[in-house]
Amino acid sequence: MKRTTVFFDRLGVLIIGLALVAVGGGAALWQRDRLPFELTEVDASVVTDAQDQQWWPWALLGAGVLIALLVVFSLVRRLPSSTGRTLSLPVTGGPDGRVTVDLRSVAHRAADTAREVDGVKSARARLRHERSDGRRVPVITVVVRAEESASLRTVAQKLTDVRSAVASVVGDGAVGVRVLLSA
């Protein structure tokens, strides 16, 4: 997810959480008659009077449309971005040639290479872009589960082939590779 989406998600959760805590605390204090003010009854006439007005259905329609637009906008922000899935590399020996590499395919191939290692039970890869030195760098993370009977040290040593497989496609330093090994 994008940073702004994560920020607004956390801000929304914080606001909703604080509101629920406040309402719950107020209800608990009201039940025990510990409110700092007198509240014997709740007057809902303001709401019932507003429902009889001509503008009330239009206000509800406007609020519903606004909420629907916010939900759609929020869902669109969570869609994976298609930018950054390819990497343009210069062709050595060519005058102005460039090759475009699909990084998702490279990530899948890295997971396939990890699965071929003896002692690996499963492997999956994901592609993310991380900030490094002020620029976005593609990072392929390969999550590997070793078999219970396998030696983690031996499997970890053999998983260096994953880095060399990625480097053989895109070159050294063009893409970060992270291998996470678990038992």
C-alpha atoms as a PDB file:
ATOM      1  CA  MET A   1       0.000   0.000   0.000  1.00  0.00           C
ATOM      2  CA  LYS A   2       1.022   3.560  -0.472  1.00  0.00           C
ATOM      3  CA  ARG A   3       2.243   5.525   2.530  1.00  0.00           C
ATOM      4  CA  THR A   4      -0.641   8.002   2.435  1.00  0.00           C
ATOM      5  CA  THR A   5      -3.139   5.133   2.371  1.00  0.00           C
ATOM      6  CA  VAL A   6      -1.477   3.535   5.379  1.00  0.00           C
ATOM      7  CA  PHE A   7      -1.467   6.907   7.186  1.00  0.00           C
ATOM      8  CA  PHE A   8      -5.167   7.559   6.590  1.00  0.00           C
ATOM      9  CA  ASP A   9      -6.058   3.964   7.496  1.00  0.00           C
ATOM     10  CA  ARG A  10      -4.278   4.317  10.823  1.00  0.00           C
ATOM     11  CA  LEU A  11      -5.746   7.755  11.434  1.00  0.00           C
ATOM     12  CA  GLY A  12      -9.264   6.446  10.737  1.00  0.00           C
ATOM     13  CA  VAL A  13      -8.766   3.472  13.043  1.00  0.00           C
ATOM     14  CA  LEU A  14      -7.455   5.800  15.759  1.00  0.00           C
ATOM     15  CA  ILE A  15     -10.448   8.151  15.472  1.00  0.00           C
ATOM     16  CA  ILE A  16     -12.987   5.310  15.443  1.00  0.00           C
ATOM     17  CA  GLY A  17     -11.218   3.618  18.353  1.00  0.00           C
ATOM     18  CA  LEU A  18     -11.173   6.778  20.456  1.00  0.00           C
ATOM     19  CA  ALA A  19     -14.843   7.425  19.683  1.00  0.00           C
ATOM     20  CA  LEU A  20     -15.771   3.881  20.739  1.00  0.00           C
ATOM     21  CA  VAL A  21     -13.757   4.187  23.943  1.00  0.00           C
ATOM     22  CA  ALA A  22     -15.434   7.522  24.720  1.00  0.00           C
ATOM     23  CA  VAL A  23     -18.949   6.184  24.051  1.00  0.00           C
ATOM     24  CA  GLY A  24     -18.274   3.007  26.036  1.00  0.00           C
ATOM     25  CA  GLY A  25     -16.784   4.927  28.945  1.00  0.00           C
ATOM     26  CA  GLY A  26     -19.690   7.371  28.935  1.00  0.00           C
ATOM     27  CA  ALA A  27     -22.215   4.534  28.894  1.00  0.00           C
ATOM     28  CA  ALA A  28     -20.456   2.821  31.795  1.00  0.00           C
ATOM     29  CA  LEU A  29     -20.384   6.059  33.800  1.00  0.00           C
ATOM     30  CA  TRP A  30     -24.045   6.740  32.994  1.00  0.00           C
ATOM     31  CA  GLN A  31     -25.059   3.260  34.162  1.00  0.00           C
ATOM     32  CA  ARG A  32     -23.283   3.804  37.497  1.00  0.00           C
ATOM     33  CA  ASP A  33     -24.624   7.361  37.891  1.00  0.00           C
ATOM     34  CA  ARG A  34     -21.107   8.775  37.891  1.00  0.00           C
ATOM     35  CA  LEU A  35     -21.480  11.345  35.100  1.00  0.00           C
ATOM     36  CA  PRO A  36     -20.140  14.806  36.051  1.00  0.00           C
ATOM     37  CA  PHE A  37     -23.488  16.285  34.970  1.00  0.00           C
ATOM     38  CA  GLU A  38     -27.155  15.389  35.418  1.00  0.00           C
ATOM     39  CA  LEU A  39     -28.618  13.237  32.639  1.00  0.00           C
ATOM     40  CA  THR A  40     -32.002  11.819  33.472  1.00  0.00           C
ATOM     41  CA  GLU A  41     -33.371  11.365  29.976  1.00  0.00           C
ATOM     42  CA  VAL A  42     -32.217  11.656  26.398  1.00  0.00           C
ATOM     43  CA  ASP A  43     -34.195  14.086  24.246  1.00  0.00           C
ATOM     44  CA  ALA A  44     -34.416  12.735  20.701  1.00  0.00           C
ATOM     45  CA  SER A  45     -36.917  15.334  19.517  1.00  0.00           C
ATOM     46  CA  VAL A  46     -34.221  17.120  17.502  1.00  0.00           C
ATOM     47  CA  VAL A  47     -33.714  14.020  15.390  1.00  0.00           C
ATOM     48  CA  THR A  48     -37.402  13.190  15.054  1.00  0.00           C
ATOM     49  CA  ASP A  49     -38.221  16.782  14.097  1.00  0.00           C
ATOM     50  CA  ALA A  50     -35.481  16.767  11.444  1.00  0.00           C
ATOM     51  CA  GLN A  51     -36.917  13.606   9.879  1.00  0.00           C
ATOM     52  CA  ASP A  52     -40.137  15.477   9.096  1.00  0.00           C
ATOM     53  CA  GLN A  53     -38.328  18.174   7.111  1.00  0.00           C
ATOM     54  CA  GLN A  54     -38.196  18.104   3.295  1.00  0.00           C
ATOM     55  CA  TRP A  55     -34.416  18.369   3.191  1.00  0.00           C
ATOM     56  CA  TRP A  56     -33.870  15.271   5.364  1.00  0.00           C
ATOM     57  CA  PRO A  57     -34.046  12.628   2.556  1.00  0.00           C
ATOM     58  CA  TRP A  58     -31.704  14.731   0.425  1.00  0.00           C
ATOM     59  CA  ALA A  59     -29.255  15.043   3.306  1.00  0.00           C
ATOM     60  CA  LEU A  60     -29.327  11.259   3.782  1.00  0.00           C
ATOM     61  CA  LEU A  61     -28.827  10.743   0.042  1.00  0.00           C
ATOM     62  CA  GLY A  62     -25.873  13.142   0.033  1.00  0.00           C
ATOM     63  CA  ALA A  63     -24.309  11.426   3.065  1.00  0.00           C
ATOM     64  CA  GLY A  64     -24.792   8.000   1.442  1.00  0.00           C
ATOM     65  CA  VAL A  65     -23.196   9.139  -1.827  1.00  0.00           C
ATOM     66  CA  LEU A  66     -20.293  10.705   0.068  1.00  0.00           C
ATOM     67  CA  ILE A  67     -19.678   7.518   2.059  1.00  0.00           C
ATOM     68  CA  ALA A  68     -19.907   5.398  -1.108  1.00  0.00           C
ATOM     69  CA  LEU A  69     -17.370   7.632  -2.864  1.00  0.00           C
ATOM     70  CA  LEU A  70     -15.002   7.427   0.121  1.00  0.00           C
ATOM     71  CA  VAL A  71     -15.252   3.627   0.137  1.00  0.00           C
ATOM     72  CA  VAL A  72     -14.628   3.376  -3.618  1.00  0.00           C
ATOM     73  CA  PHE A  73     -11.687   5.794  -3.357  1.00  0.00           C
ATOM     74  CA  SER A  74     -10.265   3.782  -0.474  1.00  0.00           C
ATOM     75  CA  LEU A  75     -10.570   0.525  -2.432  1.00  0.00           C
ATOM     76  CA  VAL A  76      -8.950   2.043  -5.513  1.00  0.00           C
ATOM     77  CA  ARG A  77      -6.014   3.239  -3.394  1.00  0.00           C
ATOM     78  CA  ARG A  78      -5.464  -0.363  -2.296  1.00  0.00           C
ATOM     79  CA  LEU A  79      -5.219  -1.758  -5.820  1.00  0.00           C
ATOM     80  CA  PRO A  80      -1.693  -2.814  -6.657  1.00  0.00           C
ATOM     81  CA  SER A  81       0.076  -0.272  -8.765  1.00  0.00           C
ATOM     82  CA  SER A  82       1.202  -1.344 -12.215  1.00  0.00           C
ATOM     83  CA  THR A  83       4.072   1.138 -12.143  1.00  0.00           C
ATOM     84  CA  GLY A  84       7.410  -0.249 -11.131  1.00  0.00           C
ATOM     85  CA  ARG A  85       6.769  -3.788 -12.303  1.00  0.00           C
ATOM     86  CA  THR A  86       9.220  -3.448 -15.137  1.00  0.00           C
ATOM     87  CA  LEU A  87      12.871  -2.490 -15.128  1.00  0.00           C
ATOM     88  CA  SER A  88      14.632  -0.957 -18.107  1.00  0.00           C
ATOM     89  CA  LEU A  89      18.232  -2.109 -18.481  1.00  0.00           C
ATOM     90  CA  PRO A  90      20.878  -0.947 -20.958  1.00  0.00           C
ATOM     91  CA  VAL A  91      22.143  -3.478 -23.480  1.00  0.00           C
ATOM     92  CA  THR A  92      25.882  -3.912 -23.346  1.00  0.00           C
ATOM     93  CA  GLY A  93      27.581  -3.578 -26.684  1.00  0.00           C
ATOM     94  CA  GLY A  94      24.600  -1.852 -28.289  1.00  0.00           C
ATOM     95  CA  PRO A  95      24.528   1.856 -29.165  1.00  0.00           C
ATOM     96  CA  ASP A  96      21.255   2.912 -27.547  1.00  0.00           C
ATOM     97  CA  GLY A  97      19.532  -0.366 -26.888  1.00  0.00           C
ATOM     98  CA  ARG A  98      17.514  -1.085 -23.779  1.00  0.00           C
ATOM     99  CA  VAL A  99      15.814  -4.217 -22.519  1.00  0.00           C
ATOM    100  CA  THR A 100      12.689  -4.184 -20.364  1.00  0.00           C
ATOM    101  CA  VAL A 101      12.496  -6.883 -17.696  1.00  0.00           C
ATOM    102  CA  ASP A 102       9.235  -7.910 -16.007  1.00  0.00           C
ATOM    103  CA  LEU A 103      10.153  -7.951 -12.320  1.00  0.00           C
ATOM    104  CA  ARG A 104       7.149 -10.078 -11.345  1.00  0.00           C
ATOM    105  CA  SER A 105       8.465 -12.851 -13.601  1.00  0.00           C
ATOM    106  CA  VAL A 106      11.903 -12.467 -12.058  1.00  0.00           C
ATOM    107  CA  ALA A 107      10.345 -12.743  -8.578  1.00  0.00           C
ATOM    108  CA  HIS A 108       8.441 -15.900  -9.574  1.00  0.00           C
ATOM    109  CA  ARG A 109      11.623 -17.385 -11.042  1.00  0.00           C
ATOM    110  CA  ALA A 110      13.480 -16.582  -7.805  1.00  0.00           C
ATOM    111  CA  ALA A 111      10.825 -18.523  -5.869  1.00  0.00           C
ATOM    112  CA  ASP A 112      11.116 -21.409  -8.355  1.00  0.00           C
ATOM    113  CA  THR A 113      14.896 -21.430  -7.871  1.00  0.00           C
ATOM    114  CA  ALA A 114      14.411 -21.545  -4.103  1.00  0.00           C
ATOM    115  CA  ARG A 115      11.963 -24.448  -4.422  1.00  0.00           C
ATOM    116  CA  GLU A 116      14.599 -26.464  -6.310  1.00  0.00           C
ATOM    117  CA  VAL A 117      16.959 -26.395  -3.299  1.00  0.00           C
ATOM    118  CA  ASP A 118      17.088 -29.645  -1.319  1.00  0.00           C
ATOM    119  CA  GLY A 119      15.335 -29.289   2.024  1.00  0.00           C
ATOM    120  CA  VAL A 120      12.921 -26.527   0.952  1.00  0.00           C
ATOM    121  CA  LYS A 121       9.271 -27.267   1.633  1.00  0.00           C
ATOM    122  CA  SER A 122       7.763 -24.148   0.023  1.00  0.00           C
ATOM    123  CA  ALA A 123       8.809 -20.785  -1.364  1.00  0.00           C
ATOM    124  CA  ARG A 124       6.920 -17.704  -2.497  1.00  0.00           C
ATOM    125  CA  ALA A 125       8.115 -14.335  -3.684  1.00  0.00           C
ATOM    126  CA  ARG A 126       6.777 -10.797  -3.604  1.00  0.00           C
ATOM    127  CA  LEU A 127       7.917  -7.603  -5.236  1.00  0.00           C
ATOM    128  CA  ARG A 128       7.941  -4.331  -3.301  1.00  0.00           C
ATOM    129  CA  HIS A 129       9.551  -0.971  -3.793  1.00  0.00           C
ATOM    130  CA  GLU A 130      11.459   0.412  -0.824  1.00  0.00           C
ATOM    131  CA  ARG A 131      13.203   3.705  -0.257  1.00  0.00           C
ATOM    132  CA  SER A 132      16.983   3.590  -0.181  1.00  0.00           C
ATOM    133  CA  ASP A 133      19.167   6.691  -0.321  1.00  0.00           C
ATOM    134  CA  GLY A 134      16.192   8.830  -1.341  1.00  0.00           C
ATOM    135  CA  ARG A 135      15.141   6.712  -4.319  1.00  0.00           C
ATOM    136  CA  ARG A 136      12.761   3.820  -4.827  1.00  0.00           C
ATOM    137  CA  VAL A 137      14.479   0.489  -5.300  1.00  0.00           C
ATOM    138  CA  PRO A 138      12.704  -2.724  -6.331  1.00  0.00           C
ATOM    139  CA  VAL A 139      13.179  -5.472  -3.732  1.00  0.00           C
ATOM    140  CA  ILE A 140      12.285  -9.108  -4.318  1.00  0.00           C
ATOM    141  CA  THR A 141      11.556 -10.916  -1.063  1.00  0.00           C
ATOM    142  CA  VAL A 142      11.555 -14.706  -1.183  1.00  0.00           C
ATOM    143  CA  VAL A 143       9.889 -16.360   1.820  1.00  0.00           C
ATOM    144  CA  VAL A 144      11.154 -19.929   2.209  1.00  0.00           C
ATOM    145  CA  ARG A 145       9.956 -22.682   4.537  1.00  0.00           C
ATOM    146  CA  ALA A 146      12.428 -25.473   5.162  1.00  0.00           C
ATOM    147  CA  GLU A 147      11.476 -29.054   5.776  1.00  0.00           C
ATOM    148  CA  GLU A 148      11.588 -30.158   9.407  1.00  0.00           C
ATOM    149  CA  SER A 149      14.364 -32.653   8.784  1.00  0.00           C
ATOM    150  CA  ALA A 150      16.566 -30.209   6.853  1.00  0.00           C
ATOM    151  CA  SER A 151      19.515 -28.360   8.330  1.00  0.00           C
ATOM    152  CA  LEU A 152      18.784 -24.631   8.242  1.00  0.00           C
ATOM    153  CA  ARG A 153      22.469 -23.806   7.848  1.00  0.00           C
ATOM    154  CA  THR A 154      22.792 -26.043   4.785  1.00  0.00           C
ATOM    155  CA  VAL A 155      19.585 -24.734   3.221  1.00  0.00           C
ATOM    156  CA  ALA A 156      20.653 -21.130   3.875  1.00  0.00           C
ATOM    157  CA  GLN A 157      23.988 -21.723   2.155  1.00  0.00           C
ATOM    158  CA  LYS A 158      22.261 -23.241  -0.871  1.00  0.00           C
ATOM    159  CA  LEU A 159      19.797 -20.343  -1.089  1.00  0.00           C
ATOM    160  CA  THR A 160      22.593 -18.052  -2.267  1.00  0.00           C
ATOM    161  CA  ASP A 161      21.703 -19.399  -5.711  1.00  0.00           C
ATOM    162  CA  VAL A 162      18.556 -17.277  -5.544  1.00  0.00           C
ATOM    163  CA  ARG A 163      20.581 -14.064  -5.458  1.00  0.00           C
ATOM    164  CA  SER A 164      22.809 -15.210  -8.300  1.00  0.00           C
ATOM    165  CA  ALA A 165      19.750 -16.220 -10.378  1.00  0.00           C
ATOM    166  CA  VAL A 166      18.278 -12.719 -10.015  1.00  0.00           C
ATOM    167  CA  ALA A 167      21.655 -11.095 -10.696  1.00  0.00           C
ATOM    168  CA  SER A 168      22.036 -13.171 -13.876  1.00  0.00           C
ATOM    169  CA  VAL A 169      18.813 -11.651 -15.223  1.00  0.00           C
ATOM    170  CA  VAL A 170      18.992  -8.017 -14.097  1.00  0.00           C
ATOM    171  CA  GLY A 171      22.632  -7.550 -13.132  1.00  0.00           C
ATOM    172  CA  ASP A 172      24.196  -6.852  -9.767  1.00  0.00           C
ATOM    173  CA  GLY A 173      22.663  -4.051  -7.713  1.00  0.00           C
ATOM    174  CA  ALA A 174      19.677  -3.326  -9.982  1.00  0.00           C
ATOM    175  CA  VAL A 175      17.244  -5.178  -7.714  1.00  0.00           C
ATOM    176  CA  GLY A 176      17.485  -5.960  -4.021  1.00  0.00           C
ATOM    177  CA  VAL A 177      16.956  -9.577  -3.036  1.00  0.00           C
ATOM    178  CA  ARG A 178      15.903 -10.637   0.440  1.00  0.00           C
ATOM    179  CA  VAL A 179      15.550 -14.294   1.407  1.00  0.00           C
ATOM    180  CA  LEU A 180      13.607 -15.085   4.592  1.00  0.00           C
ATOM    181  CA  LEU A 181      14.085 -18.651   5.828  1.00  0.00           C
ATOM    182  CA  SER A 182      11.926 -20.322   8.445  1.00  0.00           C
ATOM    183  CA  ALA A 183      11.600 -23.845   9.753  1.00  0.00           C
END
